[in-house]
Amino acid sequence: MSDKHLSSQFDAELNSISTHVLEMGGMVESQLHQALYALEHFSVESADQVLETENRINQMEVQIDHEIISTIGRRQPTARDLRFLMAISRSTQNLERAGDEVARMARMVKSIIQTSSAPRSLPANELRVAAELAATLLRKSLDSFARLDTEMALAIIKGDDAIDQEYNGFLRKLITYMMEDARTISPSLDLLFLAKSIERVGDHAKNIAEQIIFIVKGEDVRHAPVSKVESVVG
């Protein structure tokens, strides 16, 4: 952060909070890759590792919230510093929810493995394209946060559309499978829930990107069209 503060301790507190957010984000990113591995290799062990990480992510969210509340109460920050702390709070919420979606994926993968409910004819492997896109957006959102890079944040917001397109295309394929063979309805629904969780991870990465723009530009671009976001980033 470039702003000068009267208290070097305040700077240290803000940097500490930022570091904890990046640590939390790294855990969610690792969790997502573990879930993808579990899906690709039908690994119950990998799915269980994802679920074990979920509690740590939840604890980190609570810890960061306490740090934010404490800092606001003691320092009474103004202007950009207050925006920064508000945006961090929103970002940690999105990271925690992304972690919830990944944990949901792990539980679904375990269910699929245990019931052997995914016939080889279903396009399970095609989920990986959307999943890799989501993982990339999440990683970029953390990089953008670390640098307060609004151009990268804008690219993330635009990139979310690609995940939506993959999800819609995957949905159409599953509908075709279900129409052709009623026996595929149940496993197709399992895959659909997986795809929806992947799509939501992308949404949370986009939400974090919007908070980065809020920190730097002071403009709330949530729910704004891309054209408006482009004009704000300038």
C-alpha atoms as a PDB file:
ATOM      1  CA  MET A   1       0.000   0.000   0.000  1.00  0.00           C
ATOM      2  CA  SER A   2       1.361   3.436  -0.960  1.00  0.00           C
ATOM      3  CA  ASP A   3      -0.496   5.672   1.512  1.00  0.00           C
ATOM      4  CA  LYS A   4       1.494   6.953   4.472  1.00  0.00           C
ATOM      5  CA  HIS A   5       0.043   6.336   7.911  1.00  0.00           C
ATOM      6  CA  LEU A   6       0.788   8.129  11.141  1.00  0.00           C
ATOM      7  CA  SER A   7       1.358   4.809  12.824  1.00  0.00           C
ATOM      8  CA  SER A   8       3.829   2.297  11.464  1.00  0.00           C
ATOM      9  CA  GLN A   9       2.068  -0.247  13.649  1.00  0.00           C
ATOM     10  CA  PHE A  10      -1.125   0.411  11.695  1.00  0.00           C
ATOM     11  CA  ASP A  11       0.780  -0.353   8.488  1.00  0.00           C
ATOM     12  CA  ALA A  12       1.993  -3.580  10.033  1.00  0.00           C
ATOM     13  CA  GLU A  13      -1.540  -4.554  11.041  1.00  0.00           C
ATOM     14  CA  LEU A  14      -2.879  -3.961   7.527  1.00  0.00           C
ATOM     15  CA  ASN A  15      -0.014  -5.930   6.002  1.00  0.00           C
ATOM     16  CA  SER A  16      -0.601  -8.772   8.458  1.00  0.00           C
ATOM     17  CA  ILE A  17      -4.290  -8.936   7.559  1.00  0.00           C
ATOM     18  CA  SER A  18      -3.435  -8.924   3.844  1.00  0.00           C
ATOM     19  CA  THR A  19      -0.961 -11.755   4.368  1.00  0.00           C
ATOM     20  CA  HIS A  20      -3.579 -13.833   6.168  1.00  0.00           C
ATOM     21  CA  VAL A  21      -6.044 -13.294   3.313  1.00  0.00           C
ATOM     22  CA  LEU A  22      -3.464 -14.500   0.797  1.00  0.00           C
ATOM     23  CA  GLU A  23      -2.715 -17.539   2.987  1.00  0.00           C
ATOM     24  CA  MET A  24      -6.418 -18.340   3.153  1.00  0.00           C
ATOM     25  CA  GLY A  25      -6.730 -17.922  -0.595  1.00  0.00           C
ATOM     26  CA  GLY A  26      -3.771 -20.227  -1.172  1.00  0.00           C
ATOM     27  CA  MET A  27      -5.452 -22.880   0.943  1.00  0.00           C
ATOM     28  CA  VAL A  28      -8.670 -22.617  -1.087  1.00  0.00           C
ATOM     29  CA  GLU A  29      -6.714 -22.809  -4.342  1.00  0.00           C
ATOM     30  CA  SER A  30      -4.857 -25.910  -3.121  1.00  0.00           C
ATOM     31  CA  GLN A  31      -8.159 -27.383  -1.970  1.00  0.00           C
ATOM     32  CA  LEU A  32      -9.644 -26.866  -5.438  1.00  0.00           C
ATOM     33  CA  HIS A  33      -6.731 -28.604  -7.171  1.00  0.00           C
ATOM     34  CA  GLN A  34      -7.074 -31.496  -4.708  1.00  0.00           C
ATOM     35  CA  ALA A  35     -10.778 -31.789  -5.530  1.00  0.00           C
ATOM     36  CA  LEU A  36      -9.997 -31.819  -9.255  1.00  0.00           C
ATOM     37  CA  TYR A  37      -7.469 -34.587  -8.684  1.00  0.00           C
ATOM     38  CA  ALA A  38     -10.068 -36.542  -6.704  1.00  0.00           C
ATOM     39  CA  LEU A  39     -12.555 -36.162  -9.558  1.00  0.00           C
ATOM     40  CA  GLU A  40     -10.096 -37.105 -12.292  1.00  0.00           C
ATOM     41  CA  HIS A  41      -8.611 -40.101 -10.474  1.00  0.00           C
ATOM     42  CA  PHE A  42     -11.689 -41.105  -8.446  1.00  0.00           C
ATOM     43  CA  SER A  43      -9.621 -40.773  -5.275  1.00  0.00           C
ATOM     44  CA  VAL A  44     -11.487 -40.961  -1.970  1.00  0.00           C
ATOM     45  CA  GLU A  45      -8.273 -40.110  -0.132  1.00  0.00           C
ATOM     46  CA  SER A  46      -7.888 -36.829  -2.032  1.00  0.00           C
ATOM     47  CA  ALA A  47     -11.534 -35.960  -1.444  1.00  0.00           C
ATOM     48  CA  ASP A  48     -11.053 -36.562   2.288  1.00  0.00           C
ATOM     49  CA  GLN A  49      -8.042 -34.234   2.306  1.00  0.00           C
ATOM     50  CA  VAL A  50     -10.222 -31.505   0.822  1.00  0.00           C
ATOM     51  CA  LEU A  51     -12.770 -31.941   3.594  1.00  0.00           C
ATOM     52  CA  GLU A  52     -10.065 -31.808   6.262  1.00  0.00           C
ATOM     53  CA  THR A  53      -8.922 -28.426   4.918  1.00  0.00           C
ATOM     54  CA  GLU A  54     -12.438 -26.979   5.104  1.00  0.00           C
ATOM     55  CA  ASN A  55     -12.320 -26.461   8.883  1.00  0.00           C
ATOM     56  CA  ARG A  56      -9.007 -24.614   8.665  1.00  0.00           C
ATOM     57  CA  ILE A  57     -10.420 -22.258   6.048  1.00  0.00           C
ATOM     58  CA  ASN A  58     -13.461 -21.549   8.217  1.00  0.00           C
ATOM     59  CA  GLN A  59     -11.186 -20.797  11.174  1.00  0.00           C
ATOM     60  CA  MET A  60      -9.109 -18.412   9.084  1.00  0.00           C
ATOM     61  CA  GLU A  61     -12.214 -16.481   8.063  1.00  0.00           C
ATOM     62  CA  VAL A  62     -13.166 -15.999  11.722  1.00  0.00           C
ATOM     63  CA  GLN A  63      -9.600 -14.992  12.633  1.00  0.00           C
ATOM     64  CA  ILE A  64      -9.400 -12.390   9.848  1.00  0.00           C
ATOM     65  CA  ASP A  65     -12.801 -10.955  10.806  1.00  0.00           C
ATOM     66  CA  HIS A  66     -11.622 -10.540  14.403  1.00  0.00           C
ATOM     67  CA  GLU A  67      -8.469  -8.778  13.195  1.00  0.00           C
ATOM     68  CA  ILE A  68     -10.514  -6.410  11.025  1.00  0.00           C
ATOM     69  CA  ILE A  69     -12.956  -5.563  13.815  1.00  0.00           C
ATOM     70  CA  SER A  70     -10.101  -4.997  16.253  1.00  0.00           C
ATOM     71  CA  THR A  71      -8.237  -2.752  13.808  1.00  0.00           C
ATOM     72  CA  ILE A  72     -11.300  -0.651  13.035  1.00  0.00           C
ATOM     73  CA  GLY A  73     -12.118  -0.268  16.721  1.00  0.00           C
ATOM     74  CA  ARG A  74      -8.614   0.813  17.718  1.00  0.00           C
ATOM     75  CA  ARG A  75      -7.476   2.786  14.662  1.00  0.00           C
ATOM     76  CA  GLN A  76     -10.734   4.272  13.342  1.00  0.00           C
ATOM     77  CA  PRO A  77      -9.417   4.246   9.756  1.00  0.00           C
ATOM     78  CA  THR A  78     -10.735   6.642   7.149  1.00  0.00           C
ATOM     79  CA  ALA A  79     -11.036   6.798   3.362  1.00  0.00           C
ATOM     80  CA  ARG A  80      -8.945   4.202   1.514  1.00  0.00           C
ATOM     81  CA  ASP A  81      -7.902   2.290   4.625  1.00  0.00           C
ATOM     82  CA  LEU A  82     -11.537   1.739   5.596  1.00  0.00           C
ATOM     83  CA  ARG A  83     -12.378   0.673   2.038  1.00  0.00           C
ATOM     84  CA  PHE A  84      -9.438  -1.698   2.194  1.00  0.00           C
ATOM     85  CA  LEU A  85     -10.672  -3.353   5.389  1.00  0.00           C
ATOM     86  CA  MET A  86     -14.258  -3.568   4.120  1.00  0.00           C
ATOM     87  CA  ALA A  87     -13.071  -5.140   0.870  1.00  0.00           C
ATOM     88  CA  ILE A  88     -10.937  -7.643   2.761  1.00  0.00           C
ATOM     89  CA  SER A  89     -13.951  -8.690   4.834  1.00  0.00           C
ATOM     90  CA  ARG A  90     -15.999  -9.245   1.676  1.00  0.00           C
ATOM     91  CA  SER A  91     -13.120 -11.076  -0.003  1.00  0.00           C
ATOM     92  CA  THR A  92     -12.655 -13.481   2.908  1.00  0.00           C
ATOM     93  CA  GLN A  93     -16.370 -14.244   2.784  1.00  0.00           C
ATOM     94  CA  ASN A  94     -16.021 -15.111  -0.897  1.00  0.00           C
ATOM     95  CA  LEU A  95     -12.955 -17.258  -0.238  1.00  0.00           C
ATOM     96  CA  GLU A  96     -14.802 -19.138   2.500  1.00  0.00           C
ATOM     97  CA  ARG A  97     -17.781 -19.706   0.217  1.00  0.00           C
ATOM     98  CA  ALA A  98     -15.495 -20.869  -2.575  1.00  0.00           C
ATOM     99  CA  GLY A  99     -14.039 -23.330  -0.067  1.00  0.00           C
ATOM    100  CA  ASP A 100     -17.553 -24.496   0.748  1.00  0.00           C
ATOM    101  CA  GLU A 101     -18.203 -25.163  -2.941  1.00  0.00           C
ATOM    102  CA  VAL A 102     -14.974 -27.145  -3.237  1.00  0.00           C
ATOM    103  CA  ALA A 103     -15.893 -29.185  -0.160  1.00  0.00           C
ATOM    104  CA  ARG A 104     -19.280 -29.839  -1.742  1.00  0.00           C
ATOM    105  CA  MET A 105     -17.449 -31.087  -4.837  1.00  0.00           C
ATOM    106  CA  ALA A 106     -15.366 -33.448  -2.685  1.00  0.00           C
ATOM    107  CA  ARG A 107     -18.462 -34.884  -1.016  1.00  0.00           C
ATOM    108  CA  MET A 108     -20.111 -35.401  -4.388  1.00  0.00           C
ATOM    109  CA  VAL A 109     -16.999 -37.109  -5.783  1.00  0.00           C
ATOM    110  CA  LYS A 110     -16.971 -39.454  -2.774  1.00  0.00           C
ATOM    111  CA  SER A 111     -20.643 -40.240  -3.359  1.00  0.00           C
ATOM    112  CA  ILE A 112     -20.010 -40.964  -7.047  1.00  0.00           C
ATOM    113  CA  ILE A 113     -17.071 -43.244  -6.220  1.00  0.00           C
ATOM    114  CA  GLN A 114     -18.878 -45.124  -3.462  1.00  0.00           C
ATOM    115  CA  THR A 115     -21.997 -45.726  -5.559  1.00  0.00           C
ATOM    116  CA  SER A 116     -20.145 -46.216  -8.864  1.00  0.00           C
ATOM    117  CA  SER A 117     -22.830 -43.996 -10.346  1.00  0.00           C
ATOM    118  CA  ALA A 118     -20.911 -42.351 -13.180  1.00  0.00           C
ATOM    119  CA  PRO A 119     -20.969 -44.450 -16.356  1.00  0.00           C
ATOM    120  CA  ARG A 120     -17.955 -44.040 -18.618  1.00  0.00           C
ATOM    121  CA  SER A 121     -20.280 -42.747 -21.346  1.00  0.00           C
ATOM    122  CA  LEU A 122     -20.950 -39.543 -19.408  1.00  0.00           C
ATOM    123  CA  PRO A 123     -18.656 -36.553 -20.148  1.00  0.00           C
ATOM    124  CA  ALA A 124     -17.152 -36.313 -16.642  1.00  0.00           C
ATOM    125  CA  ASN A 125     -13.696 -35.431 -17.979  1.00  0.00           C
ATOM    126  CA  GLU A 126     -15.087 -32.358 -19.708  1.00  0.00           C
ATOM    127  CA  LEU A 127     -15.656 -30.812 -16.305  1.00  0.00           C
ATOM    128  CA  ARG A 128     -11.909 -30.306 -16.097  1.00  0.00           C
ATOM    129  CA  VAL A 129     -11.957 -27.470 -18.648  1.00  0.00           C
ATOM    130  CA  ALA A 130     -14.330 -25.378 -16.554  1.00  0.00           C
ATOM    131  CA  ALA A 131     -12.551 -26.421 -13.369  1.00  0.00           C
ATOM    132  CA  GLU A 132      -9.151 -25.306 -14.683  1.00  0.00           C
ATOM    133  CA  LEU A 133     -10.674 -21.993 -15.751  1.00  0.00           C
ATOM    134  CA  ALA A 134     -12.092 -21.521 -12.254  1.00  0.00           C
ATOM    135  CA  ALA A 135      -8.745 -22.412 -10.644  1.00  0.00           C
ATOM    136  CA  THR A 136      -6.967 -19.931 -12.911  1.00  0.00           C
ATOM    137  CA  LEU A 137      -9.408 -17.143 -12.049  1.00  0.00           C
ATOM    138  CA  LEU A 138      -9.019 -17.856  -8.343  1.00  0.00           C
ATOM    139  CA  ARG A 139      -5.214 -17.751  -8.593  1.00  0.00           C
ATOM    140  CA  LYS A 140      -5.348 -14.512 -10.590  1.00  0.00           C
ATOM    141  CA  SER A 141      -7.714 -12.936  -8.071  1.00  0.00           C
ATOM    142  CA  LEU A 142      -5.130 -13.590  -5.341  1.00  0.00           C
ATOM    143  CA  ASP A 143      -2.319 -12.181  -7.498  1.00  0.00           C
ATOM    144  CA  SER A 144      -4.439  -9.148  -8.280  1.00  0.00           C
ATOM    145  CA  PHE A 145      -5.188  -8.658  -4.587  1.00  0.00           C
ATOM    146  CA  ALA A 146      -1.500  -8.875  -3.659  1.00  0.00           C
ATOM    147  CA  ARG A 147      -0.634  -6.198  -6.222  1.00  0.00           C
ATOM    148  CA  LEU A 148      -3.888  -4.226  -6.115  1.00  0.00           C
ATOM    149  CA  ASP A 149      -3.887  -4.632  -9.892  1.00  0.00           C
ATOM    150  CA  THR A 150      -7.154  -3.306 -11.333  1.00  0.00           C
ATOM    151  CA  GLU A 151      -6.306  -4.292 -14.918  1.00  0.00           C
ATOM    152  CA  MET A 152      -5.943  -7.909 -13.843  1.00  0.00           C
ATOM    153  CA  ALA A 153      -9.142  -7.593 -11.824  1.00  0.00           C
ATOM    154  CA  LEU A 154     -10.969  -6.426 -14.944  1.00  0.00           C
ATOM    155  CA  ALA A 155      -9.604  -9.404 -16.902  1.00  0.00           C
ATOM    156  CA  ILE A 156     -10.907 -11.739 -14.178  1.00  0.00           C
ATOM    157  CA  ILE A 157     -14.381 -10.223 -14.398  1.00  0.00           C
ATOM    158  CA  LYS A 158     -14.369 -10.737 -18.154  1.00  0.00           C
ATOM    159  CA  GLY A 159     -12.963 -14.261 -17.790  1.00  0.00           C
ATOM    160  CA  ASP A 160     -15.900 -15.385 -15.671  1.00  0.00           C
ATOM    161  CA  ASP A 161     -18.020 -15.447 -18.843  1.00  0.00           C
ATOM    162  CA  ALA A 162     -15.878 -18.289 -20.226  1.00  0.00           C
ATOM    163  CA  ILE A 163     -16.748 -20.478 -17.229  1.00  0.00           C
ATOM    164  CA  ASP A 164     -20.429 -19.673 -17.663  1.00  0.00           C
ATOM    165  CA  GLN A 165     -20.200 -20.740 -21.312  1.00  0.00           C
ATOM    166  CA  GLU A 166     -18.493 -24.014 -20.376  1.00  0.00           C
ATOM    167  CA  TYR A 167     -21.168 -24.674 -17.761  1.00  0.00           C
ATOM    168  CA  ASN A 168     -24.000 -24.013 -20.214  1.00  0.00           C
ATOM    169  CA  GLY A 169     -22.394 -26.240 -22.842  1.00  0.00           C
ATOM    170  CA  PHE A 170     -21.885 -29.023 -20.314  1.00  0.00           C
ATOM    171  CA  LEU A 171     -25.498 -28.685 -19.181  1.00  0.00           C
ATOM    172  CA  ARG A 172     -26.743 -29.105 -22.747  1.00  0.00           C
ATOM    173  CA  LYS A 173     -24.682 -32.281 -23.148  1.00  0.00           C
ATOM    174  CA  LEU A 174     -26.040 -33.741 -19.924  1.00  0.00           C
ATOM    175  CA  ILE A 175     -29.612 -32.996 -21.018  1.00  0.00           C
ATOM    176  CA  THR A 176     -28.921 -34.868 -24.258  1.00  0.00           C
ATOM    177  CA  TYR A 177     -27.584 -37.893 -22.341  1.00  0.00           C
ATOM    178  CA  MET A 178     -30.604 -37.922 -20.026  1.00  0.00           C
ATOM    179  CA  MET A 179     -33.062 -37.691 -22.925  1.00  0.00           C
ATOM    180  CA  GLU A 180     -31.370 -40.563 -24.749  1.00  0.00           C
ATOM    181  CA  ASP A 181     -31.037 -42.877 -21.745  1.00  0.00           C
ATOM    182  CA  ALA A 182     -33.103 -42.486 -18.578  1.00  0.00           C
ATOM    183  CA  ARG A 183     -30.558 -44.581 -16.674  1.00  0.00           C
ATOM    184  CA  THR A 184     -28.114 -41.682 -16.880  1.00  0.00           C
ATOM    185  CA  ILE A 185     -30.439 -39.211 -15.107  1.00  0.00           C
ATOM    186  CA  SER A 186     -29.163 -39.802 -11.573  1.00  0.00           C
ATOM    187  CA  PRO A 187     -25.414 -39.724 -12.390  1.00  0.00           C
ATOM    188  CA  SER A 188     -25.980 -36.789 -14.736  1.00  0.00           C
ATOM    189  CA  LEU A 189     -27.503 -34.829 -11.887  1.00  0.00           C
ATOM    190  CA  ASP A 190     -24.434 -35.626  -9.757  1.00  0.00           C
ATOM    191  CA  LEU A 191     -22.194 -34.206 -12.482  1.00  0.00           C
ATOM    192  CA  LEU A 192     -24.474 -31.198 -12.844  1.00  0.00           C
ATOM    193  CA  PHE A 193     -24.068 -30.366  -9.156  1.00  0.00           C
ATOM    194  CA  LEU A 194     -20.296 -30.640  -9.577  1.00  0.00           C
ATOM    195  CA  ALA A 195     -20.386 -28.311 -12.568  1.00  0.00           C
ATOM    196  CA  LYS A 196     -22.501 -25.795 -10.664  1.00  0.00           C
ATOM    197  CA  SER A 197     -20.016 -25.717  -7.792  1.00  0.00           C
ATOM    198  CA  ILE A 198     -17.190 -25.085 -10.256  1.00  0.00           C
ATOM    199  CA  GLU A 199     -19.170 -22.251 -11.811  1.00  0.00           C
ATOM    200  CA  ARG A 200     -19.725 -20.710  -8.378  1.00  0.00           C
ATOM    201  CA  VAL A 201     -16.000 -20.806  -7.591  1.00  0.00           C
ATOM    202  CA  GLY A 202     -15.540 -18.658 -10.676  1.00  0.00           C
ATOM    203  CA  ASP A 203     -18.241 -16.310  -9.409  1.00  0.00           C
ATOM    204  CA  HIS A 204     -16.422 -15.903  -6.089  1.00  0.00           C
ATOM    205  CA  ALA A 205     -13.148 -15.130  -7.881  1.00  0.00           C
ATOM    206  CA  LYS A 206     -15.003 -12.474  -9.853  1.00  0.00           C
ATOM    207  CA  ASN A 207     -16.432 -11.030  -6.641  1.00  0.00           C
ATOM    208  CA  ILE A 208     -12.933 -10.709  -5.184  1.00  0.00           C
ATOM    209  CA  ALA A 209     -11.813  -8.900  -8.348  1.00  0.00           C
ATOM    210  CA  GLU A 210     -14.654  -6.422  -7.861  1.00  0.00           C
ATOM    211  CA  GLN A 211     -13.400  -5.723  -4.327  1.00  0.00           C
ATOM    212  CA  ILE A 212      -9.923  -4.943  -5.659  1.00  0.00           C
ATOM    213  CA  ILE A 213     -11.406  -2.271  -7.897  1.00  0.00           C
ATOM    214  CA  PHE A 214     -13.348  -0.941  -4.903  1.00  0.00           C
ATOM    215  CA  ILE A 215     -10.116  -0.627  -2.879  1.00  0.00           C
ATOM    216  CA  VAL A 216      -8.174   1.184  -5.576  1.00  0.00           C
ATOM    217  CA  LYS A 217     -10.837   3.245  -7.320  1.00  0.00           C
ATOM    218  CA  GLY A 218     -13.386   3.727  -4.566  1.00  0.00           C
ATOM    219  CA  GLU A 219     -16.169   2.570  -6.896  1.00  0.00           C
ATOM    220  CA  ASP A 220     -18.535  -0.275  -6.067  1.00  0.00           C
ATOM    221  CA  VAL A 221     -18.816  -2.215  -9.337  1.00  0.00           C
ATOM    222  CA  ARG A 222     -20.827  -5.152  -8.013  1.00  0.00           C
ATOM    223  CA  HIS A 223     -23.611  -6.072 -10.460  1.00  0.00           C
ATOM    224  CA  ALA A 224     -22.344  -3.420 -12.900  1.00  0.00           C
ATOM    225  CA  PRO A 225     -22.055  -4.227 -16.627  1.00  0.00           C
ATOM    226  CA  VAL A 226     -18.555  -4.844 -17.951  1.00  0.00           C
ATOM    227  CA  SER A 227     -18.652  -1.558 -19.861  1.00  0.00           C
ATOM    228  CA  LYS A 228     -19.109   0.343 -16.585  1.00  0.00           C
ATOM    229  CA  VAL A 229     -16.256  -1.583 -14.941  1.00  0.00           C
ATOM    230  CA  GLU A 230     -13.997  -0.769 -17.903  1.00  0.00           C
ATOM    231  CA  SER A 231     -14.751   2.933 -17.549  1.00  0.00           C
ATOM    232  CA  VAL A 232     -13.980   2.822 -13.807  1.00  0.00           C
ATOM    233  CA  VAL A 233     -10.669   1.030 -14.306  1.00  0.00           C
ATOM    234  CA  GLY A 234      -9.910   3.426 -17.107  1.00  0.00           C
END
